[in-house]
Amino acid sequence: MERLNKLYMQNCYIIQENEKLRKKAQLLNQENQQLRSELNQKLSSKGKQKGNAASTSLPDLNLNLSTSAQNASSSTNS
């Protein structure tokens, strides 16, 4: 019974830490999106100043991140 209680407490701690990390990842993702948006705006304004007709945008790295996270979660659930 004592071992079961210890495992339960460890599990609760891991769940709490996981939630903290999830929130931190969300904040970092929001910051990343904001910085990417600002960078795209700066790049596009520089391109317009030079008369450059080519679109200057950065690829969305979160697309690969979200599919990787989905694949990782589905493999851990199996």
PDB file of N, CA and C in Angstrom:
ATOM      1  N   MET A   1       0.820  -1.198   0.000  1.00  0.00           N
ATOM      2  CA  MET A   1       0.000   0.000   0.000  1.00  0.00           C
ATOM      3  C   MET A   1       0.867   1.265   0.000  1.00  0.00           C
ATOM      4  N   GLU A   2       1.946   1.212   0.768  1.00  0.00           N
ATOM      5  CA  GLU A   2       2.845   2.366   0.831  1.00  0.00           C
ATOM      6  C   GLU A   2       3.502   2.620  -0.527  1.00  0.00           C
ATOM      7  N   ARG A   3       3.876   1.553  -1.200  1.00  0.00           N
ATOM      8  CA  ARG A   3       4.480   1.688  -2.535  1.00  0.00           C
ATOM      9  C   ARG A   3       3.479   2.289  -3.529  1.00  0.00           C
ATOM     10  N   LEU A   4       2.236   1.862  -3.436  1.00  0.00           N
ATOM     11  CA  LEU A   4       1.190   2.387  -4.302  1.00  0.00           C
ATOM     12  C   LEU A   4       0.985   3.876  -4.051  1.00  0.00           C
ATOM     13  N   ASN A   5       0.999   4.286  -2.806  1.00  0.00           N
ATOM     14  CA  ASN A   5       0.859   5.692  -2.451  1.00  0.00           C
ATOM     15  C   ASN A   5       2.038   6.509  -2.992  1.00  0.00           C
ATOM     16  N   LYS A   6       3.241   5.960  -2.889  1.00  0.00           N
ATOM     17  CA  LYS A   6       4.430   6.645  -3.401  1.00  0.00           C
ATOM     18  C   LYS A   6       4.344   6.825  -4.919  1.00  0.00           C
ATOM     19  N   LEU A   7       3.902   5.793  -5.613  1.00  0.00           N
ATOM     20  CA  LEU A   7       3.757   5.884  -7.069  1.00  0.00           C
ATOM     21  C   LEU A   7       2.695   6.902  -7.455  1.00  0.00           C
ATOM     22  N   TYR A   8       1.613   6.934  -6.677  1.00  0.00           N
ATOM     23  CA  TYR A   8       0.549   7.901  -6.932  1.00  0.00           C
ATOM     24  C   TYR A   8       1.082   9.329  -6.774  1.00  0.00           C
ATOM     25  N   MET A   9       1.845   9.575  -5.737  1.00  0.00           N
ATOM     26  CA  MET A   9       2.401  10.910  -5.490  1.00  0.00           C
ATOM     27  C   MET A   9       3.389  11.303  -6.596  1.00  0.00           C
ATOM     28  N   GLN A  10       4.189  10.362  -7.039  1.00  0.00           N
ATOM     29  CA  GLN A  10       5.118  10.637  -8.136  1.00  0.00           C
ATOM     30  C   GLN A  10       4.350  10.974  -9.411  1.00  0.00           C
ATOM     31  N   ASN A  11       3.285  10.254  -9.652  1.00  0.00           N
ATOM     32  CA  ASN A  11       2.468  10.494 -10.831  1.00  0.00           C
ATOM     33  C   ASN A  11       1.847  11.891 -10.787  1.00  0.00           C
ATOM     34  N   CYS A  12       1.343  12.286  -9.615  1.00  0.00           N
ATOM     35  CA  CYS A  12       0.768  13.627  -9.458  1.00  0.00           C
ATOM     36  C   CYS A  12       1.824  14.699  -9.730  1.00  0.00           C
ATOM     37  N   TYR A  13       3.020  14.494  -9.213  1.00  0.00           N
ATOM     38  CA  TYR A  13       4.106  15.452  -9.423  1.00  0.00           C
ATOM     39  C   TYR A  13       4.444  15.560 -10.912  1.00  0.00           C
ATOM     40  N   ILE A  14       4.523  14.442 -11.586  1.00  0.00           N
ATOM     41  CA  ILE A  14       4.848  14.438 -13.021  1.00  0.00           C
ATOM     42  C   ILE A  14       3.763  15.161 -13.807  1.00  0.00           C
ATOM     43  N   ILE A  15       2.509  14.948 -13.442  1.00  0.00           N
ATOM     44  CA  ILE A  15       1.402  15.623 -14.128  1.00  0.00           C
ATOM     45  C   ILE A  15       1.498  17.136 -13.938  1.00  0.00           C
ATOM     46  N   GLN A  16       1.812  17.575 -12.717  1.00  0.00           N
ATOM     47  CA  GLN A  16       1.957  19.009 -12.444  1.00  0.00           C
ATOM     48  C   GLN A  16       3.108  19.611 -13.242  1.00  0.00           C
ATOM     49  N   GLU A  17       4.240  18.927 -13.267  1.00  0.00           N
ATOM     50  CA  GLU A  17       5.390  19.416 -14.022  1.00  0.00           C
ATOM     51  C   GLU A  17       5.092  19.459 -15.519  1.00  0.00           C
ATOM     52  N   ASN A  18       4.376  18.462 -16.002  1.00  0.00           N
ATOM     53  CA  ASN A  18       3.996  18.416 -17.405  1.00  0.00           C
ATOM     54  C   ASN A  18       3.121  19.616 -17.766  1.00  0.00           C
ATOM     55  N   GLU A  19       2.184  19.947 -16.893  1.00  0.00           N
ATOM     56  CA  GLU A  19       1.303  21.093 -17.136  1.00  0.00           C
ATOM     57  C   GLU A  19       2.103  22.400 -17.140  1.00  0.00           C
ATOM     58  N   LYS A  20       3.053  22.531 -16.227  1.00  0.00           N
ATOM     59  CA  LYS A  20       3.917  23.727 -16.203  1.00  0.00           C
ATOM     60  C   LYS A  20       4.697  23.850 -17.511  1.00  0.00           C
ATOM     61  N   LEU A  21       5.249  22.734 -17.962  1.00  0.00           N
ATOM     62  CA  LEU A  21       6.022  22.752 -19.212  1.00  0.00           C
ATOM     63  C   LEU A  21       5.132  23.055 -20.413  1.00  0.00           C
ATOM     64  N   ARG A  22       3.912  22.538 -20.391  1.00  0.00           N
ATOM     65  CA  ARG A  22       2.971  22.801 -21.486  1.00  0.00           C
ATOM     66  C   ARG A  22       2.649  24.297 -21.567  1.00  0.00           C
ATOM     67  N   LYS A  23       2.413  24.914 -20.412  1.00  0.00           N
ATOM     68  CA  LYS A  23       2.121  26.347 -20.383  1.00  0.00           C
ATOM     69  C   LYS A  23       3.325  27.160 -20.849  1.00  0.00           C
ATOM     70  N   LYS A  24       4.512  26.756 -20.423  1.00  0.00           N
ATOM     71  CA  LYS A  24       5.726  27.455 -20.844  1.00  0.00           C
ATOM     72  C   LYS A  24       5.919  27.328 -22.361  1.00  0.00           C
ATOM     73  N   ALA A  25       5.648  26.156 -22.894  1.00  0.00           N
ATOM     74  CA  ALA A  25       5.771  25.941 -24.336  1.00  0.00           C
ATOM     75  C   ALA A  25       4.769  26.806 -25.099  1.00  0.00           C
ATOM     76  N   GLN A  26       3.565  26.948 -24.573  1.00  0.00           N
ATOM     77  CA  GLN A  26       2.566  27.796 -25.224  1.00  0.00           C
ATOM     78  C   GLN A  26       3.016  29.254 -25.240  1.00  0.00           C
ATOM     79  N   LEU A  27       3.570  29.721 -24.122  1.00  0.00           N
ATOM     80  CA  LEU A  27       4.062  31.098 -24.066  1.00  0.00           C
ATOM     81  C   LEU A  27       5.215  31.317 -25.044  1.00  0.00           C
ATOM     82  N   LEU A  28       6.133  30.365 -25.100  1.00  0.00           N
ATOM     83  CA  LEU A  28       7.251  30.476 -26.037  1.00  0.00           C
ATOM     84  C   LEU A  28       6.767  30.447 -27.484  1.00  0.00           C
ATOM     85  N   ASN A  29       5.760  29.639 -27.749  1.00  0.00           N
ATOM     86  CA  ASN A  29       5.200  29.576 -29.097  1.00  0.00           C
ATOM     87  C   ASN A  29       4.561  30.908 -29.478  1.00  0.00           C
ATOM     88  N   GLN A  30       3.818  31.518 -28.545  1.00  0.00           N
ATOM     89  CA  GLN A  30       3.203  32.821 -28.817  1.00  0.00           C
ATOM     90  C   GLN A  30       4.270  33.879 -29.070  1.00  0.00           C
ATOM     91  N   GLU A  31       5.323  33.855 -28.253  1.00  0.00           N
ATOM     92  CA  GLU A  31       6.411  34.810 -28.440  1.00  0.00           C
ATOM     93  C   GLU A  31       7.085  34.595 -29.792  1.00  0.00           C
ATOM     94  N   ASN A  32       7.277  33.348 -30.154  1.00  0.00           N
ATOM     95  CA  ASN A  32       7.890  33.017 -31.433  1.00  0.00           C
ATOM     96  C   ASN A  32       7.047  33.535 -32.597  1.00  0.00           C
ATOM     97  N   GLN A  33       5.740  33.349 -32.518  1.00  0.00           N
ATOM     98  CA  GLN A  33       4.850  33.821 -33.575  1.00  0.00           C
ATOM     99  C   GLN A  33       4.875  35.343 -33.676  1.00  0.00           C
ATOM    100  N   GLN A  34       4.903  36.013 -32.535  1.00  0.00           N
ATOM    101  CA  GLN A  34       4.945  37.468 -32.537  1.00  0.00           C
ATOM    102  C   GLN A  34       6.251  37.972 -33.148  1.00  0.00           C
ATOM    103  N   LEU A  35       7.361  37.372 -32.765  1.00  0.00           N
ATOM    104  CA  LEU A  35       8.658  37.782 -33.318  1.00  0.00           C
ATOM    105  C   LEU A  35       8.736  37.500 -34.815  1.00  0.00           C
ATOM    106  N   ARG A  36       8.172  36.355 -35.246  1.00  0.00           N
ATOM    107  CA  ARG A  36       8.181  36.024 -36.675  1.00  0.00           C
ATOM    108  C   ARG A  36       7.353  37.038 -37.458  1.00  0.00           C
ATOM    109  N   SER A  37       6.221  37.441 -36.878  1.00  0.00           N
ATOM    110  CA  SER A  37       5.367  38.424 -37.526  1.00  0.00           C
ATOM    111  C   SER A  37       6.092  39.762 -37.672  1.00  0.00           C
ATOM    112  N   GLU A  38       6.761  40.179 -36.601  1.00  0.00           N
ATOM    113  CA  GLU A  38       7.515  41.432 -36.657  1.00  0.00           C
ATOM    114  C   GLU A  38       8.637  41.354 -37.694  1.00  0.00           C
ATOM    115  N   LEU A  39       9.315  40.218 -37.733  1.00  0.00           N
ATOM    116  CA  LEU A  39      10.393  40.053 -38.698  1.00  0.00           C
ATOM    117  C   LEU A  39       9.862  40.068 -40.124  1.00  0.00           C
ATOM    118  N   ASN A  40       8.740  39.391 -40.352  1.00  0.00           N
ATOM    119  CA  ASN A  40       8.131  39.393 -41.686  1.00  0.00           C
ATOM    120  C   ASN A  40       7.733  40.800 -42.109  1.00  0.00           C
ATOM    121  N   GLN A  41       7.201  41.584 -41.153  1.00  0.00           N
ATOM    122  CA  GLN A  41       6.817  42.959 -41.458  1.00  0.00           C
ATOM    123  C   GLN A  41       8.048  43.788 -41.829  1.00  0.00           C
ATOM    124  N   LYS A  42       9.128  43.618 -41.083  1.00  0.00           N
ATOM    125  CA  LYS A  42      10.360  44.360 -41.387  1.00  0.00           C
ATOM    126  C   LYS A  42      10.919  43.958 -42.742  1.00  0.00           C
ATOM    127  N   LEU A  43      10.904  42.649 -43.007  1.00  0.00           N
ATOM    128  CA  LEU A  43      11.431  42.178 -44.284  1.00  0.00           C
ATOM    129  C   LEU A  43      10.577  42.660 -45.453  1.00  0.00           C
ATOM    130  N   SER A  44       9.271  42.643 -45.270  1.00  0.00           N
ATOM    131  CA  SER A  44       8.405  43.076 -46.369  1.00  0.00           C
ATOM    132  C   SER A  44       8.518  44.583 -46.592  1.00  0.00           C
ATOM    133  N   SER A  45       8.697  45.342 -45.523  1.00  0.00           N
ATOM    134  CA  SER A  45       8.846  46.794 -45.705  1.00  0.00           C
ATOM    135  C   SER A  45      10.178  47.116 -46.372  1.00  0.00           C
ATOM    136  N   LYS A  46      11.218  46.362 -46.071  1.00  0.00           N
ATOM    137  CA  LYS A  46      12.507  46.566 -46.737  1.00  0.00           C
ATOM    138  C   LYS A  46      12.409  46.184 -48.207  1.00  0.00           C
ATOM    139  N   GLY A  47      11.661  45.107 -48.487  1.00  0.00           N
ATOM    140  CA  GLY A  47      11.484  44.677 -49.873  1.00  0.00           C
ATOM    141  C   GLY A  47      10.713  45.710 -50.673  1.00  0.00           C
ATOM    142  N   LYS A  48       9.730  46.341 -50.060  1.00  0.00           N
ATOM    143  CA  LYS A  48       8.953  47.380 -50.744  1.00  0.00           C
ATOM    144  C   LYS A  48       9.806  48.620 -50.979  1.00  0.00           C
ATOM    145  N   GLN A  49      10.677  48.940 -50.024  1.00  0.00           N
ATOM    146  CA  GLN A  49      11.541  50.106 -50.172  1.00  0.00           C
ATOM    147  C   GLN A  49      12.513  49.911 -51.329  1.00  0.00           C
ATOM    148  N   LYS A  50      12.971  48.701 -51.522  1.00  0.00           N
ATOM    149  CA  LYS A  50      13.918  48.417 -52.600  1.00  0.00           C
ATOM    150  C   LYS A  50      13.207  48.183 -53.930  1.00  0.00           C
ATOM    151  N   GLY A  51      11.882  48.127 -53.902  1.00  0.00           N
ATOM    152  CA  GLY A  51      11.133  47.873 -55.126  1.00  0.00           C
ATOM    153  C   GLY A  51      11.170  46.418 -55.522  1.00  0.00           C
ATOM    154  N   ASN A  52      11.439  45.561 -54.574  1.00  0.00           N
ATOM    155  CA  ASN A  52      11.526  44.131 -54.828  1.00  0.00           C
ATOM    156  C   ASN A  52      10.122  43.536 -54.850  1.00  0.00           C
ATOM    157  N   ALA A  53       9.749  42.901 -55.950  1.00  0.00           N
ATOM    158  CA  ALA A  53       8.415  42.331 -56.089  1.00  0.00           C
ATOM    159  C   ALA A  53       8.311  40.948 -55.462  1.00  0.00           C
ATOM    160  N   ALA A  54       9.438  40.321 -55.143  1.00  0.00           N
ATOM    161  CA  ALA A  54       9.418  38.975 -54.581  1.00  0.00           C
ATOM    162  C   ALA A  54       8.913  39.013 -53.137  1.00  0.00           C
ATOM    163  N   SER A  55       8.123  38.027 -52.792  1.00  0.00           N
ATOM    164  CA  SER A  55       7.600  37.934 -51.428  1.00  0.00           C
ATOM    165  C   SER A  55       8.680  37.412 -50.504  1.00  0.00           C
ATOM    166  N   THR A  56       8.869  38.102 -49.397  1.00  0.00           N
ATOM    167  CA  THR A  56       9.867  37.666 -48.428  1.00  0.00           C
ATOM    168  C   THR A  56       9.154  37.253 -47.156  1.00  0.00           C
ATOM    169  N   SER A  57       8.958  35.959 -47.004  1.00  0.00           N
ATOM    170  CA  SER A  57       8.336  35.459 -45.785  1.00  0.00           C
ATOM    171  C   SER A  57       9.109  34.240 -45.316  1.00  0.00           C
ATOM    172  N   LEU A  58       8.998  33.974 -44.034  1.00  0.00           N
ATOM    173  CA  LEU A  58       9.685  32.844 -43.436  1.00  0.00           C
ATOM    174  C   LEU A  58       8.739  31.653 -43.376  1.00  0.00           C
ATOM    175  N   PRO A  59       9.268  30.450 -43.525  1.00  0.00           N
ATOM    176  CA  PRO A  59       8.400  29.271 -43.425  1.00  0.00           C
ATOM    177  C   PRO A  59       7.881  29.119 -42.001  1.00  0.00           C
ATOM    178  N   ASP A  60       6.700  28.553 -41.866  1.00  0.00           N
ATOM    179  CA  ASP A  60       6.102  28.334 -40.558  1.00  0.00           C
ATOM    180  C   ASP A  60       6.667  27.045 -39.975  1.00  0.00           C
ATOM    181  N   LEU A  61       7.591  27.193 -39.029  1.00  0.00           N
ATOM    182  CA  LEU A  61       8.232  26.034 -38.423  1.00  0.00           C
ATOM    183  C   LEU A  61       7.300  25.285 -37.489  1.00  0.00           C
ATOM    184  N   ASN A  62       6.228  25.929 -37.054  1.00  0.00           N
ATOM    185  CA  ASN A  62       5.290  25.280 -36.156  1.00  0.00           C
ATOM    186  C   ASN A  62       4.511  24.171 -36.840  1.00  0.00           C
ATOM    187  N   LEU A  63       4.423  24.199 -38.152  1.00  0.00           N
ATOM    188  CA  LEU A  63       3.727  23.125 -38.862  1.00  0.00           C
ATOM    189  C   LEU A  63       4.426  21.800 -38.603  1.00  0.00           C
ATOM    190  N   ASN A  64       5.749  21.798 -38.717  1.00  0.00           N
ATOM    191  CA  ASN A  64       6.507  20.584 -38.453  1.00  0.00           C
ATOM    192  C   ASN A  64       6.456  20.224 -36.982  1.00  0.00           C
ATOM    193  N   LEU A  65       6.471  21.222 -36.115  1.00  0.00           N
ATOM    194  CA  LEU A  65       6.440  20.981 -34.677  1.00  0.00           C
ATOM    195  C   LEU A  65       5.133  20.339 -34.260  1.00  0.00           C
ATOM    196  N   SER A  66       4.005  20.836 -34.789  1.00  0.00           N
ATOM    197  CA  SER A  66       2.708  20.291 -34.381  1.00  0.00           C
ATOM    198  C   SER A  66       2.532  18.861 -34.877  1.00  0.00           C
ATOM    199  N   THR A  67       2.989  18.555 -36.084  1.00  0.00           N
ATOM    200  CA  THR A  67       2.855  17.183 -36.570  1.00  0.00           C
ATOM    201  C   THR A  67       3.791  16.258 -35.822  1.00  0.00           C
ATOM    202  N   SER A  68       4.965  16.757 -35.438  1.00  0.00           N
ATOM    203  CA  SER A  68       5.889  15.943 -34.649  1.00  0.00           C
ATOM    204  C   SER A  68       5.314  15.656 -33.278  1.00  0.00           C
ATOM    205  N   ALA A  69       4.685  16.655 -32.682  1.00  0.00           N
ATOM    206  CA  ALA A  69       4.083  16.483 -31.360  1.00  0.00           C
ATOM    207  C   ALA A  69       2.928  15.493 -31.436  1.00  0.00           C
ATOM    208  N   GLN A  70       2.137  15.555 -32.506  1.00  0.00           N
ATOM    209  CA  GLN A  70       1.028  14.619 -32.657  1.00  0.00           C
ATOM    210  C   GLN A  70       1.553  13.205 -32.825  1.00  0.00           C
ATOM    211  N   ASN A  71       2.602  13.054 -33.625  1.00  0.00           N
ATOM    212  CA  ASN A  71       3.181  11.728 -33.839  1.00  0.00           C
ATOM    213  C   ASN A  71       3.757  11.177 -32.543  1.00  0.00           C
ATOM    214  N   ALA A  72       4.405  12.047 -31.765  1.00  0.00           N
ATOM    215  CA  ALA A  72       4.994  11.612 -30.504  1.00  0.00           C
ATOM    216  C   ALA A  72       3.922  11.201 -29.517  1.00  0.00           C
ATOM    217  N   SER A  73       2.831  11.962 -29.449  1.00  0.00           N
ATOM    218  CA  SER A  73       1.773  11.622 -28.505  1.00  0.00           C
ATOM    219  C   SER A  73       1.054  10.361 -28.911  1.00  0.00           C
ATOM    220  N   SER A  74       0.882  10.145 -30.206  1.00  0.00           N
ATOM    221  CA  SER A  74       0.206   8.916 -30.642  1.00  0.00           C
ATOM    222  C   SER A  74       1.091   7.698 -30.433  1.00  0.00           C
ATOM    223  N   SER A  75       2.405   7.855 -30.533  1.00  0.00           N
ATOM    224  CA  SER A  75       3.297   6.721 -30.322  1.00  0.00           C
ATOM    225  C   SER A  75       3.422   6.385 -28.858  1.00  0.00           C
ATOM    226  N   THR A  76       3.299   7.392 -27.967  1.00  0.00           N
ATOM    227  CA  THR A  76       3.369   7.112 -26.538  1.00  0.00           C
ATOM    228  C   THR A  76       2.082   6.510 -26.021  1.00  0.00           C
ATOM    229  N   ASN A  77       0.979   6.787 -26.707  1.00  0.00           N
ATOM    230  CA  ASN A  77      -0.301   6.231 -26.302  1.00  0.00           C
ATOM    231  C   ASN A  77      -0.472   4.788 -26.726  1.00  0.00           C
ATOM    232  N   SER A  78       0.345   4.325 -27.649  1.00  0.00           N
ATOM    233  CA  SER A  78       0.223   2.958 -28.162  1.00  0.00           C
ATOM    234  C   SER A  78       0.790   1.950 -27.208  1.00  0.00           C
TER     235      SER A  78
END
